[in-house]
PDB file of N, CA and C in Angstrom:
ATOM      1  N   UNK A   1      -5.300  11.513 -55.988  1.00  0.00           N
ATOM      2  CA  UNK A   1      -6.068  12.854 -56.857  1.00  0.00           C
ATOM      3  C   UNK A   1      -7.660  12.254 -56.637  1.00  0.00           C
ATOM      4  N   UNK A   2      -8.621  13.845 -56.242  1.00  0.00           N
ATOM      5  CA  UNK A   2      -9.898  13.850 -56.283  1.00  0.00           C
ATOM      6  C   UNK A   2      -9.993  14.590 -57.384  1.00  0.00           C
ATOM      7  N   UNK A   3     -11.555  14.560 -57.819  1.00  0.00           N
ATOM      8  CA  UNK A   3     -12.348  15.386 -58.803  1.00  0.00           C
ATOM      9  C   UNK A   3     -13.637  15.940 -57.738  1.00  0.00           C
ATOM     10  N   UNK A   4     -14.114  17.204 -57.963  1.00  0.00           N
ATOM     11  CA  UNK A   4     -15.134  17.463 -57.251  1.00  0.00           C
ATOM     12  C   UNK A   4     -15.929  18.049 -58.285  1.00  0.00           C
ATOM     13  N   UNK A   5     -17.343  18.055 -57.733  1.00  0.00           N
ATOM     14  CA  UNK A   5     -18.215  18.739 -58.267  1.00  0.00           C
ATOM     15  C   UNK A   5     -18.915  19.775 -57.930  1.00  0.00           C
ATOM     16  N   UNK A   6     -19.400  20.815 -58.021  1.00  0.00           N
ATOM     17  CA  UNK A   6     -20.316  21.356 -57.291  1.00  0.00           C
ATOM     18  C   UNK A   6     -21.888  21.625 -57.749  1.00  0.00           C
ATOM     19  N   UNK A   7     -22.243  21.830 -56.765  1.00  0.00           N
ATOM     20  CA  UNK A   7     -24.077  22.281 -56.759  1.00  0.00           C
ATOM     21  C   UNK A   7     -24.536  23.553 -56.729  1.00  0.00           C
ATOM     22  N   UNK A   8     -25.567  24.260 -57.093  1.00  0.00           N
ATOM     23  CA  UNK A   8     -25.869  24.993 -56.220  1.00  0.00           C
ATOM     24  C   UNK A   8     -27.273  25.084 -55.750  1.00  0.00           C
ATOM     25  N   UNK A   9     -27.409  25.577 -54.188  1.00  0.00           N
ATOM     26  CA  UNK A   9     -28.795  25.121 -53.505  1.00  0.00           C
ATOM     27  C   UNK A   9     -29.168  26.640 -52.822  1.00  0.00           C
ATOM     28  N   UNK A  10     -30.362  26.540 -52.847  1.00  0.00           N
ATOM     29  CA  UNK A  10     -30.893  27.369 -51.950  1.00  0.00           C
ATOM     30  C   UNK A  10     -31.548  27.186 -50.859  1.00  0.00           C
ATOM     31  N   UNK A  11     -31.195  27.656 -49.662  1.00  0.00           N
ATOM     32  CA  UNK A  11     -31.941  27.216 -48.360  1.00  0.00           C
ATOM     33  C   UNK A  11     -32.812  28.387 -47.936  1.00  0.00           C
ATOM     34  N   UNK A  12     -34.153  28.009 -47.431  1.00  0.00           N
ATOM     35  CA  UNK A  12     -34.965  28.773 -46.476  1.00  0.00           C
ATOM     36  C   UNK A  12     -35.164  28.689 -45.121  1.00  0.00           C
ATOM     37  N   UNK A  13     -35.484  29.530 -44.522  1.00  0.00           N
ATOM     38  CA  UNK A  13     -35.384  29.605 -43.418  1.00  0.00           C
ATOM     39  C   UNK A  13     -36.231  30.754 -42.531  1.00  0.00           C
ATOM     40  N   UNK A  14     -37.154  30.404 -41.624  1.00  0.00           N
ATOM     41  CA  UNK A  14     -37.796  31.861 -40.855  1.00  0.00           C
ATOM     42  C   UNK A  14     -37.068  31.912 -39.383  1.00  0.00           C
ATOM     43  N   UNK A  15     -36.204  30.997 -39.379  1.00  0.00           N
ATOM     44  CA  UNK A  15     -35.202  31.202 -37.881  1.00  0.00           C
ATOM     45  C   UNK A  15     -34.275  32.053 -38.041  1.00  0.00           C
ATOM     46  N   UNK A  16     -33.129  32.059 -39.220  1.00  0.00           N
ATOM     47  CA  UNK A  16     -32.003  32.519 -39.754  1.00  0.00           C
ATOM     48  C   UNK A  16     -31.261  32.030 -40.532  1.00  0.00           C
ATOM     49  N   UNK A  17     -30.265  32.758 -40.731  1.00  0.00           N
ATOM     50  CA  UNK A  17     -29.345  32.200 -41.631  1.00  0.00           C
ATOM     51  C   UNK A  17     -28.806  30.992 -41.877  1.00  0.00           C
ATOM     52  N   UNK A  18     -28.474  30.579 -40.761  1.00  0.00           N
ATOM     53  CA  UNK A  18     -27.826  29.268 -40.219  1.00  0.00           C
ATOM     54  C   UNK A  18     -28.673  28.211 -40.635  1.00  0.00           C
ATOM     55  N   UNK A  19     -29.750  28.464 -39.973  1.00  0.00           N
ATOM     56  CA  UNK A  19     -31.058  27.419 -40.339  1.00  0.00           C
ATOM     57  C   UNK A  19     -31.160  27.261 -41.545  1.00  0.00           C
ATOM     58  N   UNK A  20     -30.930  28.455 -42.327  1.00  0.00           N
ATOM     59  CA  UNK A  20     -31.265  27.936 -43.971  1.00  0.00           C
ATOM     60  C   UNK A  20     -30.272  27.760 -44.406  1.00  0.00           C
ATOM     61  N   UNK A  21     -28.731  27.457 -44.142  1.00  0.00           N
ATOM     62  CA  UNK A  21     -27.817  26.961 -44.720  1.00  0.00           C
ATOM     63  C   UNK A  21     -27.943  25.020 -44.412  1.00  0.00           C
ATOM     64  N   UNK A  22     -28.044  25.117 -42.842  1.00  0.00           N
ATOM     65  CA  UNK A  22     -28.237  23.575 -42.370  1.00  0.00           C
ATOM     66  C   UNK A  22     -29.192  22.717 -43.282  1.00  0.00           C
ATOM     67  N   UNK A  23     -30.607  23.718 -43.761  1.00  0.00           N
ATOM     68  CA  UNK A  23     -31.238  22.851 -44.005  1.00  0.00           C
ATOM     69  C   UNK A  23     -31.420  22.715 -45.407  1.00  0.00           C
ATOM     70  N   UNK A  24     -30.504  23.246 -46.040  1.00  0.00           N
ATOM     71  CA  UNK A  24     -29.735  23.038 -47.536  1.00  0.00           C
ATOM     72  C   UNK A  24     -29.395  21.890 -47.797  1.00  0.00           C
ATOM     73  N   UNK A  25     -28.013  22.215 -46.689  1.00  0.00           N
ATOM     74  CA  UNK A  25     -27.223  20.858 -46.438  1.00  0.00           C
ATOM     75  C   UNK A  25     -27.897  19.530 -46.273  1.00  0.00           C
ATOM     76  N   UNK A  26     -28.951  19.459 -45.317  1.00  0.00           N
ATOM     77  CA  UNK A  26     -29.345  18.175 -44.820  1.00  0.00           C
ATOM     78  C   UNK A  26     -29.991  17.977 -45.660  1.00  0.00           C
ATOM     79  N   UNK A  27     -30.847  18.548 -46.676  1.00  0.00           N
ATOM     80  CA  UNK A  27     -31.286  17.866 -47.627  1.00  0.00           C
ATOM     81  C   UNK A  27     -30.563  17.284 -48.898  1.00  0.00           C
ATOM     82  N   UNK A  28     -29.462  17.966 -49.295  1.00  0.00           N
ATOM     83  CA  UNK A  28     -28.843  17.600 -50.293  1.00  0.00           C
ATOM     84  C   UNK A  28     -28.110  16.297 -49.713  1.00  0.00           C
ATOM     85  N   UNK A  29     -28.083  15.938 -48.398  1.00  0.00           N
ATOM     86  CA  UNK A  29     -27.005  15.082 -47.911  1.00  0.00           C
ATOM     87  C   UNK A  29     -28.128  13.475 -48.143  1.00  0.00           C
ATOM     88  N   UNK A  30     -29.033  13.857 -48.537  1.00  0.00           N
ATOM     89  CA  UNK A  30     -30.410  12.576 -48.644  1.00  0.00           C
ATOM     90  C   UNK A  30     -29.951  12.125 -49.522  1.00  0.00           C
ATOM     91  N   UNK A  31     -29.551  12.802 -50.501  1.00  0.00           N
ATOM     92  CA  UNK A  31     -29.293  12.187 -51.869  1.00  0.00           C
ATOM     93  C   UNK A  31     -27.934  12.268 -52.671  1.00  0.00           C
ATOM     94  N   UNK A  32     -27.127  13.146 -51.960  1.00  0.00           N
ATOM     95  CA  UNK A  32     -25.651  12.544 -51.983  1.00  0.00           C
ATOM     96  C   UNK A  32     -24.657  12.435 -51.437  1.00  0.00           C
ATOM     97  N   UNK A  33     -23.587  12.084 -51.930  1.00  0.00           N
ATOM     98  CA  UNK A  33     -22.545  11.555 -51.412  1.00  0.00           C
ATOM     99  C   UNK A  33     -21.185  11.969 -50.938  1.00  0.00           C
ATOM    100  N   UNK A  34     -20.605  12.058 -50.103  1.00  0.00           N
ATOM    101  CA  UNK A  34     -19.190  12.865 -50.109  1.00  0.00           C
ATOM    102  C   UNK A  34     -19.267  14.121 -50.443  1.00  0.00           C
ATOM    103  N   UNK A  35     -20.498  14.800 -49.611  1.00  0.00           N
ATOM    104  CA  UNK A  35     -20.133  16.496 -49.287  1.00  0.00           C
ATOM    105  C   UNK A  35     -19.195  16.903 -48.598  1.00  0.00           C
ATOM    106  N   UNK A  36     -18.404  17.728 -48.649  1.00  0.00           N
ATOM    107  CA  UNK A  36     -17.094  18.329 -48.184  1.00  0.00           C
ATOM    108  C   UNK A  36     -17.306  19.453 -47.833  1.00  0.00           C
ATOM    109  N   UNK A  37     -17.921  20.618 -48.849  1.00  0.00           N
ATOM    110  CA  UNK A  37     -17.788  21.675 -48.325  1.00  0.00           C
ATOM    111  C   UNK A  37     -18.783  22.584 -48.998  1.00  0.00           C
ATOM    112  N   UNK A  38     -19.082  24.124 -48.120  1.00  0.00           N
ATOM    113  CA  UNK A  38     -20.397  24.891 -48.918  1.00  0.00           C
ATOM    114  C   UNK A  38     -19.051  26.071 -49.139  1.00  0.00           C
ATOM    115  N   UNK A  39     -20.211  26.840 -50.082  1.00  0.00           N
ATOM    116  CA  UNK A  39     -19.573  28.515 -49.886  1.00  0.00           C
ATOM    117  C   UNK A  39     -20.930  29.415 -50.136  1.00  0.00           C
ATOM    118  N   UNK A  40     -21.066  30.400 -49.396  1.00  0.00           N
ATOM    119  CA  UNK A  40     -22.725  31.167 -49.813  1.00  0.00           C
ATOM    120  C   UNK A  40     -22.080  32.197 -50.773  1.00  0.00           C
ATOM    121  N   UNK A  41     -22.881  32.410 -51.452  1.00  0.00           N
ATOM    122  CA  UNK A  41     -22.927  32.988 -52.584  1.00  0.00           C
ATOM    123  C   UNK A  41     -24.009  34.554 -52.607  1.00  0.00           C
ATOM    124  N   UNK A  42     -24.886  34.082 -52.004  1.00  0.00           N
ATOM    125  CA  UNK A  42     -26.162  35.267 -51.868  1.00  0.00           C
ATOM    126  C   UNK A  42     -27.123  35.121 -50.723  1.00  0.00           C
ATOM    127  N   UNK A  43     -27.251  36.241 -50.018  1.00  0.00           N
ATOM    128  CA  UNK A  43     -28.005  36.281 -48.773  1.00  0.00           C
ATOM    129  C   UNK A  43     -29.172  37.131 -48.912  1.00  0.00           C
ATOM    130  N   UNK A  44     -30.537  36.726 -48.681  1.00  0.00           N
ATOM    131  CA  UNK A  44     -31.558  37.788 -48.977  1.00  0.00           C
ATOM    132  C   UNK A  44     -32.607  37.197 -48.305  1.00  0.00           C
ATOM    133  N   UNK A  45     -33.704  38.155 -48.140  1.00  0.00           N
ATOM    134  CA  UNK A  45     -35.120  37.498 -47.197  1.00  0.00           C
ATOM    135  C   UNK A  45     -36.272  38.367 -47.533  1.00  0.00           C
ATOM    136  N   UNK A  46     -37.386  37.889 -47.067  1.00  0.00           N
ATOM    137  CA  UNK A  46     -38.674  38.337 -47.547  1.00  0.00           C
ATOM    138  C   UNK A  46     -39.332  39.422 -46.139  1.00  0.00           C
ATOM    139  N   UNK A  47     -39.805  40.372 -46.458  1.00  0.00           N
ATOM    140  CA  UNK A  47     -40.154  41.184 -45.739  1.00  0.00           C
ATOM    141  C   UNK A  47     -41.859  41.433 -45.679  1.00  0.00           C
ATOM    142  N   UNK A  48     -42.235  41.565 -44.526  1.00  0.00           N
ATOM    143  CA  UNK A  48     -43.487  41.381 -44.380  1.00  0.00           C
ATOM    144  C   UNK A  48     -44.326  42.550 -43.152  1.00  0.00           C
ATOM    145  N   UNK A  49     -44.925  43.483 -43.565  1.00  0.00           N
ATOM    146  CA  UNK A  49     -45.458  44.398 -42.908  1.00  0.00           C
ATOM    147  C   UNK A  49     -44.112  45.178 -42.041  1.00  0.00           C
ATOM    148  N   UNK A  50     -42.840  45.365 -42.784  1.00  0.00           N
ATOM    149  CA  UNK A  50     -41.746  45.637 -41.938  1.00  0.00           C
ATOM    150  C   UNK A  50     -41.035  44.888 -40.913  1.00  0.00           C
ATOM    151  N   UNK A  51     -41.385  43.649 -41.029  1.00  0.00           N
ATOM    152  CA  UNK A  51     -40.627  42.746 -40.318  1.00  0.00           C
ATOM    153  C   UNK A  51     -40.210  41.352 -41.290  1.00  0.00           C
ATOM    154  N   UNK A  52     -38.900  41.118 -40.808  1.00  0.00           N
ATOM    155  CA  UNK A  52     -38.275  40.126 -41.932  1.00  0.00           C
ATOM    156  C   UNK A  52     -39.069  38.649 -41.428  1.00  0.00           C
ATOM    157  N   UNK A  53     -39.575  38.171 -42.585  1.00  0.00           N
ATOM    158  CA  UNK A  53     -40.502  36.863 -42.539  1.00  0.00           C
ATOM    159  C   UNK A  53     -39.432  35.414 -42.623  1.00  0.00           C
ATOM    160  N   UNK A  54     -38.581  35.677 -43.402  1.00  0.00           N
ATOM    161  CA  UNK A  54     -37.661  34.299 -43.740  1.00  0.00           C
ATOM    162  C   UNK A  54     -36.282  34.969 -44.366  1.00  0.00           C
ATOM    163  N   UNK A  55     -35.622  34.357 -44.457  1.00  0.00           N
ATOM    164  CA  UNK A  55     -34.301  33.948 -45.104  1.00  0.00           C
ATOM    165  C   UNK A  55     -34.000  32.997 -46.097  1.00  0.00           C
ATOM    166  N   UNK A  56     -33.500  33.550 -47.035  1.00  0.00           N
ATOM    167  CA  UNK A  56     -32.939  32.546 -48.399  1.00  0.00           C
ATOM    168  C   UNK A  56     -31.265  32.541 -48.522  1.00  0.00           C
ATOM    169  N   UNK A  57     -30.880  31.882 -48.651  1.00  0.00           N
ATOM    170  CA  UNK A  57     -29.245  31.411 -48.752  1.00  0.00           C
ATOM    171  C   UNK A  57     -28.648  30.963 -49.872  1.00  0.00           C
ATOM    172  N   UNK A  58     -28.209  31.325 -50.827  1.00  0.00           N
ATOM    173  CA  UNK A  58     -27.834  30.544 -51.847  1.00  0.00           C
ATOM    174  C   UNK A  58     -26.283  30.021 -52.063  1.00  0.00           C
ATOM    175  N   UNK A  59     -26.020  28.872 -51.845  1.00  0.00           N
ATOM    176  CA  UNK A  59     -24.822  28.537 -51.815  1.00  0.00           C
ATOM    177  C   UNK A  59     -24.316  27.390 -52.735  1.00  0.00           C
ATOM    178  N   UNK A  60     -23.131  27.092 -53.146  1.00  0.00           N
ATOM    179  CA  UNK A  60     -22.283  26.351 -53.439  1.00  0.00           C
ATOM    180  C   UNK A  60     -21.823  25.139 -53.055  1.00  0.00           C
ATOM    181  N   UNK A  61     -22.110  23.521 -53.205  1.00  0.00           N
ATOM    182  CA  UNK A  61     -22.153  22.761 -52.175  1.00  0.00           C
ATOM    183  C   UNK A  61     -20.933  21.831 -53.052  1.00  0.00           C
ATOM    184  N   UNK A  62     -19.585  21.591 -52.643  1.00  0.00           N
ATOM    185  CA  UNK A  62     -18.699  20.222 -53.342  1.00  0.00           C
ATOM    186  C   UNK A  62     -18.857  19.533 -52.731  1.00  0.00           C
ATOM    187  N   UNK A  63     -18.660  18.414 -53.751  1.00  0.00           N
ATOM    188  CA  UNK A  63     -18.774  17.296 -53.391  1.00  0.00           C
ATOM    189  C   UNK A  63     -18.062  16.032 -54.208  1.00  0.00           C
ATOM    190  N   UNK A  64     -17.057  14.944 -53.699  1.00  0.00           N
ATOM    191  CA  UNK A  64     -16.134  14.213 -54.784  1.00  0.00           C
ATOM    192  C   UNK A  64     -16.974  13.214 -54.925  1.00  0.00           C
ATOM    193  N   UNK A  65     -16.354  13.202 -56.293  1.00  0.00           N
ATOM    194  CA  UNK A  65     -16.708  12.228 -57.175  1.00  0.00           C
ATOM    195  C   UNK A  65     -16.179  11.045 -56.886  1.00  0.00           C
ATOM    196  N   UNK A  66     -16.913   9.917 -56.958  1.00  0.00           N
ATOM    197  CA  UNK A  66     -16.777   8.248 -56.998  1.00  0.00           C
ATOM    198  C   UNK A  66     -15.639   7.943 -58.072  1.00  0.00           C
TER     199      UNK A  66
END
């Protein structure tokens, strides 16, 4: 039987949503073990002079506890 913990992360990128997700997961994997899944909760972005400047993705990441 396994027990999991969920944490919330916010990834950002000027290149797109997928890059924002990957950046958040990559950074979390530097200090957390057993990352197993993620779930996107919110998507938003910044606008500058009528153009999309960057993306923000709020996600929950689940990992198995030792």
